[in-house]
C-alpha atoms as a PDB file:
ATOM      1  CA  UNK A   1       0.000   0.000   0.000  1.00  0.00           C
ATOM      2  CA  UNK A   2       1.307   3.463  -0.892  1.00  0.00           C
ATOM      3  CA  UNK A   3       1.620   6.414   1.490  1.00  0.00           C
ATOM      4  CA  UNK A   4      -0.643   9.310   0.675  1.00  0.00           C
ATOM      5  CA  UNK A   5       1.146  12.057  -1.189  1.00  0.00           C
ATOM      6  CA  UNK A   6      -0.292  14.753   1.001  1.00  0.00           C
ATOM      7  CA  UNK A   7       1.898  13.651   3.949  1.00  0.00           C
ATOM      8  CA  UNK A   8       5.058  14.658   2.067  1.00  0.00           C
ATOM      9  CA  UNK A   9       3.602  18.050   1.253  1.00  0.00           C
ATOM     10  CA  UNK A  10       2.469  18.575   4.855  1.00  0.00           C
ATOM     11  CA  UNK A  11       6.013  18.077   6.200  1.00  0.00           C
ATOM     12  CA  UNK A  12       7.341  20.463   3.572  1.00  0.00           C
ATOM     13  CA  UNK A  13       4.780  23.121   4.573  1.00  0.00           C
ATOM     14  CA  UNK A  14       5.664  22.680   8.246  1.00  0.00           C
ATOM     15  CA  UNK A  15       9.354  23.393   7.523  1.00  0.00           C
ATOM     16  CA  UNK A  16       8.439  26.453   5.453  1.00  0.00           C
ATOM     17  CA  UNK A  17       6.165  27.736   8.234  1.00  0.00           C
ATOM     18  CA  UNK A  18       8.887  27.216  10.863  1.00  0.00           C
ATOM     19  CA  UNK A  19      11.464  29.055   8.746  1.00  0.00           C
ATOM     20  CA  UNK A  20       8.989  31.881   8.145  1.00  0.00           C
ATOM     21  CA  UNK A  21       8.181  32.207  11.853  1.00  0.00           C
ATOM     22  CA  UNK A  22      11.878  32.209  12.857  1.00  0.00           C
ATOM     23  CA  UNK A  23      12.603  34.833  10.173  1.00  0.00           C
ATOM     24  CA  UNK A  24       9.715  37.047  11.315  1.00  0.00           C
ATOM     25  CA  UNK A  25      10.785  36.880  14.971  1.00  0.00           C
ATOM     26  CA  UNK A  26      14.412  37.650  14.050  1.00  0.00           C
ATOM     27  CA  UNK A  27      13.352  40.567  11.855  1.00  0.00           C
ATOM     28  CA  UNK A  28      11.105  41.931  14.627  1.00  0.00           C
ATOM     29  CA  UNK A  29      13.905  41.767  17.211  1.00  0.00           C
ATOM     30  CA  UNK A  30      16.324  43.458  14.777  1.00  0.00           C
ATOM     31  CA  UNK A  31      13.855  46.266  14.010  1.00  0.00           C
ATOM     32  CA  UNK A  32      13.167  46.728  17.733  1.00  0.00           C
ATOM     33  CA  UNK A  33      16.881  47.204  18.484  1.00  0.00           C
ATOM     34  CA  UNK A  34      17.284  49.632  15.577  1.00  0.00           C
ATOM     35  CA  UNK A  35      14.398  51.725  16.931  1.00  0.00           C
ATOM     36  CA  UNK A  36      15.881  51.699  20.452  1.00  0.00           C
ATOM     37  CA  UNK A  37      19.309  52.722  19.106  1.00  0.00           C
ATOM     38  CA  UNK A  38      18.014  55.659  17.076  1.00  0.00           C
ATOM     39  CA  UNK A  39      15.726  56.911  19.844  1.00  0.00           C
ATOM     40  CA  UNK A  40      18.627  56.867  22.327  1.00  0.00           C
ATOM     41  CA  UNK A  41      20.817  58.780  19.865  1.00  0.00           C
ATOM     42  CA  UNK A  42      18.052  61.328  19.369  1.00  0.00           C
ATOM     43  CA  UNK A  43      17.765  61.816  23.152  1.00  0.00           C
ATOM     44  CA  UNK A  44      21.431  62.897  23.257  1.00  0.00           C
ATOM     45  CA  UNK A  45      20.816  65.829  20.952  1.00  0.00           C
ATOM     46  CA  UNK A  46      17.147  66.601  21.578  1.00  0.00           C
ATOM     47  CA  UNK A  47      17.945  69.536  23.901  1.00  0.00           C
ATOM     48  CA  UNK A  48      20.433  71.214  21.546  1.00  0.00           C
ATOM     49  CA  UNK A  49      17.923  73.461  19.749  1.00  0.00           C
ATOM     50  CA  UNK A  50      16.431  74.759  23.023  1.00  0.00           C
ATOM     51  CA  UNK A  51      19.909  75.278  24.487  1.00  0.00           C
ATOM     52  CA  UNK A  52      21.026  77.285  21.458  1.00  0.00           C
ATOM     53  CA  UNK A  53      17.919  79.471  21.707  1.00  0.00           C
ATOM     54  CA  UNK A  54      18.436  80.024  25.459  1.00  0.00           C
ATOM     55  CA  UNK A  55      22.109  80.877  24.930  1.00  0.00           C
ATOM     56  CA  UNK A  56      21.298  83.401  22.206  1.00  0.00           C
ATOM     57  CA  UNK A  57      18.634  85.100  24.343  1.00  0.00           C
ATOM     58  CA  UNK A  58      20.536  85.181  27.651  1.00  0.00           C
ATOM     59  CA  UNK A  59      24.210  85.526  26.740  1.00  0.00           C
ATOM     60  CA  UNK A  60      24.594  87.500  23.546  1.00  0.00           C
ATOM     61  CA  UNK A  61      26.282  84.687  21.652  1.00  0.00           C
ATOM     62  CA  UNK A  62      25.592  85.307  17.989  1.00  0.00           C
ATOM     63  CA  UNK A  63      27.619  82.717  16.084  1.00  0.00           C
ATOM     64  CA  UNK A  64      27.440  79.015  17.015  1.00  0.00           C
ATOM     65  CA  UNK A  65      30.310  76.741  16.017  1.00  0.00           C
ATOM     66  CA  UNK A  66      29.586  73.501  17.901  1.00  0.00           C
ATOM     67  CA  UNK A  67      27.180  72.046  20.419  1.00  0.00           C
ATOM     68  CA  UNK A  68      27.990  68.962  22.448  1.00  0.00           C
ATOM     69  CA  UNK A  69      26.952  67.328  25.684  1.00  0.00           C
ATOM     70  CA  UNK A  70      29.006  67.271  28.869  1.00  0.00           C
ATOM     71  CA  UNK A  71      27.801  64.743  31.458  1.00  0.00           C
ATOM     72  CA  UNK A  72      29.169  65.594  34.863  1.00  0.00           C
ATOM     73  CA  UNK A  73      27.472  66.100  38.201  1.00  0.00           C
ATOM     74  CA  UNK A  74      24.939  68.101  36.192  1.00  0.00           C
ATOM     75  CA  UNK A  75      24.657  67.592  32.418  1.00  0.00           C
ATOM     76  CA  UNK A  76      25.314  70.657  30.270  1.00  0.00           C
ATOM     77  CA  UNK A  77      24.959  71.395  26.585  1.00  0.00           C
ATOM     78  CA  UNK A  78      28.257  73.089  25.761  1.00  0.00           C
ATOM     79  CA  UNK A  79      27.988  75.683  23.005  1.00  0.00           C
ATOM     80  CA  UNK A  80      31.144  76.981  21.366  1.00  0.00           C
ATOM     81  CA  UNK A  81      30.870  80.241  19.459  1.00  0.00           C
ATOM     82  CA  UNK A  82      31.494  83.975  19.403  1.00  0.00           C
ATOM     83  CA  UNK A  83      29.676  86.742  21.248  1.00  0.00           C
ATOM     84  CA  UNK A  84      28.671  90.230  20.064  1.00  0.00           C
ATOM     85  CA  UNK A  85      32.210  91.581  20.669  1.00  0.00           C
ATOM     86  CA  UNK A  86      33.722  88.806  18.549  1.00  0.00           C
ATOM     87  CA  UNK A  87      35.224  86.975  21.543  1.00  0.00           C
ATOM     88  CA  UNK A  88      35.211  83.180  21.388  1.00  0.00           C
ATOM     89  CA  UNK A  89      33.219  81.771  24.295  1.00  0.00           C
ATOM     90  CA  UNK A  90      31.965  78.559  25.843  1.00  0.00           C
ATOM     91  CA  UNK A  91      28.342  78.699  26.972  1.00  0.00           C
ATOM     92  CA  UNK A  92      27.319  76.000  29.443  1.00  0.00           C
ATOM     93  CA  UNK A  93      23.539  75.522  29.295  1.00  0.00           C
ATOM     94  CA  UNK A  94      22.154  73.140  31.956  1.00  0.00           C
ATOM     95  CA  UNK A  95      20.096  70.351  30.413  1.00  0.00           C
ATOM     96  CA  UNK A  96      17.568  70.259  33.252  1.00  0.00           C
ATOM     97  CA  UNK A  97      17.393  74.008  33.836  1.00  0.00           C
ATOM     98  CA  UNK A  98      18.116  73.799  37.561  1.00  0.00           C
ATOM     99  CA  UNK A  99      21.497  75.557  37.238  1.00  0.00           C
ATOM    100  CA  UNK A 100      22.256  79.006  35.759  1.00  0.00           C
ATOM    101  CA  UNK A 101      23.752  79.372  32.279  1.00  0.00           C
ATOM    102  CA  UNK A 102      27.503  79.997  32.484  1.00  0.00           C
ATOM    103  CA  UNK A 103      29.642  81.885  29.949  1.00  0.00           C
ATOM    104  CA  UNK A 104      33.419  81.537  29.874  1.00  0.00           C
ATOM    105  CA  UNK A 105      35.680  83.334  27.409  1.00  0.00           C
ATOM    106  CA  UNK A 106      38.001  80.906  25.667  1.00  0.00           C
ATOM    107  CA  UNK A 107      40.880  83.365  26.093  1.00  0.00           C
ATOM    108  CA  UNK A 108      40.436  83.315  29.902  1.00  0.00           C
ATOM    109  CA  UNK A 109      42.018  79.890  30.297  1.00  0.00           C
ATOM    110  CA  UNK A 110      44.025  77.115  28.736  1.00  0.00           C
ATOM    111  CA  UNK A 111      43.226  76.363  25.124  1.00  0.00           C
ATOM    112  CA  UNK A 112      42.479  72.906  23.767  1.00  0.00           C
ATOM    113  CA  UNK A 113      46.002  72.711  22.329  1.00  0.00           C
ATOM    114  CA  UNK A 114      47.648  73.776  25.613  1.00  0.00           C
ATOM    115  CA  UNK A 115      45.771  71.124  27.610  1.00  0.00           C
ATOM    116  CA  UNK A 116      46.588  68.505  24.984  1.00  0.00           C
ATOM    117  CA  UNK A 117      50.249  69.470  25.279  1.00  0.00           C
ATOM    118  CA  UNK A 118      50.157  69.066  29.080  1.00  0.00           C
ATOM    119  CA  UNK A 119      48.381  65.724  28.716  1.00  0.00           C
ATOM    120  CA  UNK A 120      50.743  64.398  26.018  1.00  0.00           C
ATOM    121  CA  UNK A 121      53.778  65.259  28.156  1.00  0.00           C
ATOM    122  CA  UNK A 122      52.379  62.957  30.849  1.00  0.00           C
ATOM    123  CA  UNK A 123      50.946  60.240  28.614  1.00  0.00           C
ATOM    124  CA  UNK A 124      52.642  60.108  25.213  1.00  0.00           C
ATOM    125  CA  UNK A 125      51.586  56.491  24.487  1.00  0.00           C
ATOM    126  CA  UNK A 126      47.894  57.159  25.155  1.00  0.00           C
ATOM    127  CA  UNK A 127      45.111  57.343  22.582  1.00  0.00           C
ATOM    128  CA  UNK A 128      42.724  60.291  22.899  1.00  0.00           C
ATOM    129  CA  UNK A 129      39.079  59.392  22.374  1.00  0.00           C
ATOM    130  CA  UNK A 130      37.322  62.663  23.173  1.00  0.00           C
ATOM    131  CA  UNK A 131      38.003  66.105  24.614  1.00  0.00           C
ATOM    132  CA  UNK A 132      35.139  68.294  25.825  1.00  0.00           C
ATOM    133  CA  UNK A 133      34.863  71.491  27.849  1.00  0.00           C
ATOM    134  CA  UNK A 134      32.733  71.002  30.948  1.00  0.00           C
ATOM    135  CA  UNK A 135      31.530  72.701  34.093  1.00  0.00           C
ATOM    136  CA  UNK A 136      31.937  71.252  37.609  1.00  0.00           C
ATOM    137  CA  UNK A 137      31.722  72.791  41.067  1.00  0.00           C
ATOM    138  CA  UNK A 138      31.359  76.313  39.717  1.00  0.00           C
ATOM    139  CA  UNK A 139      34.430  76.063  37.465  1.00  0.00           C
ATOM    140  CA  UNK A 140      35.091  75.443  33.800  1.00  0.00           C
ATOM    141  CA  UNK A 141      37.122  72.302  33.139  1.00  0.00           C
ATOM    142  CA  UNK A 142      38.453  70.223  30.270  1.00  0.00           C
ATOM    143  CA  UNK A 143      37.367  66.571  30.112  1.00  0.00           C
ATOM    144  CA  UNK A 144      39.706  64.172  28.345  1.00  0.00           C
ATOM    145  CA  UNK A 145      38.677  60.588  27.682  1.00  0.00           C
ATOM    146  CA  UNK A 146      41.418  58.263  26.494  1.00  0.00           C
ATOM    147  CA  UNK A 147      42.939  54.803  26.691  1.00  0.00           C
ATOM    148  CA  UNK A 148      46.308  54.453  28.396  1.00  0.00           C
ATOM    149  CA  UNK A 149      49.252  52.109  27.723  1.00  0.00           C
ATOM    150  CA  UNK A 150      47.487  49.343  29.673  1.00  0.00           C
ATOM    151  CA  UNK A 151      44.427  49.759  27.417  1.00  0.00           C
ATOM    152  CA  UNK A 152      42.417  51.107  30.351  1.00  0.00           C
ATOM    153  CA  UNK A 153      39.690  53.685  29.837  1.00  0.00           C
ATOM    154  CA  UNK A 154      40.627  56.962  31.580  1.00  0.00           C
ATOM    155  CA  UNK A 155      38.555  60.054  32.332  1.00  0.00           C
ATOM    156  CA  UNK A 156      40.772  63.011  33.214  1.00  0.00           C
ATOM    157  CA  UNK A 157      39.655  66.511  34.145  1.00  0.00           C
ATOM    158  CA  UNK A 158      41.807  69.667  34.077  1.00  0.00           C
ATOM    159  CA  UNK A 159      40.942  73.099  35.429  1.00  0.00           C
ATOM    160  CA  UNK A 160      40.286  75.456  32.533  1.00  0.00           C
ATOM    161  CA  UNK A 161      41.914  78.483  34.171  1.00  0.00           C
ATOM    162  CA  UNK A 162      45.050  76.876  35.634  1.00  0.00           C
ATOM    163  CA  UNK A 163      45.588  73.764  33.512  1.00  0.00           C
ATOM    164  CA  UNK A 164      46.121  71.675  36.659  1.00  0.00           C
ATOM    165  CA  UNK A 165      44.668  68.214  37.114  1.00  0.00           C
ATOM    166  CA  UNK A 166      41.273  68.337  38.834  1.00  0.00           C
ATOM    167  CA  UNK A 167      40.236  64.696  38.892  1.00  0.00           C
ATOM    168  CA  UNK A 168      40.985  61.343  37.268  1.00  0.00           C
ATOM    169  CA  UNK A 169      39.003  58.101  36.966  1.00  0.00           C
ATOM    170  CA  UNK A 170      40.534  54.903  35.599  1.00  0.00           C
ATOM    171  CA  UNK A 171      38.349  51.993  34.610  1.00  0.00           C
ATOM    172  CA  UNK A 172      40.482  48.934  35.194  1.00  0.00           C
ATOM    173  CA  UNK A 173      40.069  45.793  33.132  1.00  0.00           C
ATOM    174  CA  UNK A 174      38.929  42.732  35.048  1.00  0.00           C
ATOM    175  CA  UNK A 175      41.648  40.187  35.798  1.00  0.00           C
ATOM    176  CA  UNK A 176      41.618  37.223  33.419  1.00  0.00           C
END
């Protein structure tokens, strides 16, 4: 007696359905993570437009060069630009609005290049990842993020006005 032909086709359909279901679940998970990634990236810059507007209204800055985020004790949007007198300034706009806006003339302290020179003299084998002006404890600072010779992640903070080391955090690798 012969097997019915429909049994062969039923197994084939089951495999196709399983592959389709696995593909749909995988695609859904992938799309979900893409949405999460882009929404988190948007959150980083969502306050920039309001911060620029506040800085223009309250500080007299009239030309904006860059805007970036500094995450310290209080997060600030850091605006680099020039004021009405043509002086280059940093404007520190608090993200949550619970701190006053701070304006610091770039000529009042150590420049980016001067701080990099100080840092390189102490750590010439290190790899700089990011350098950002920041504001902590009522003072302008420079934040340097880099990896050292031991491939450890280092956060180093220098006073803007004196160029001296303010604080340093080293994230040590776990022992293998």
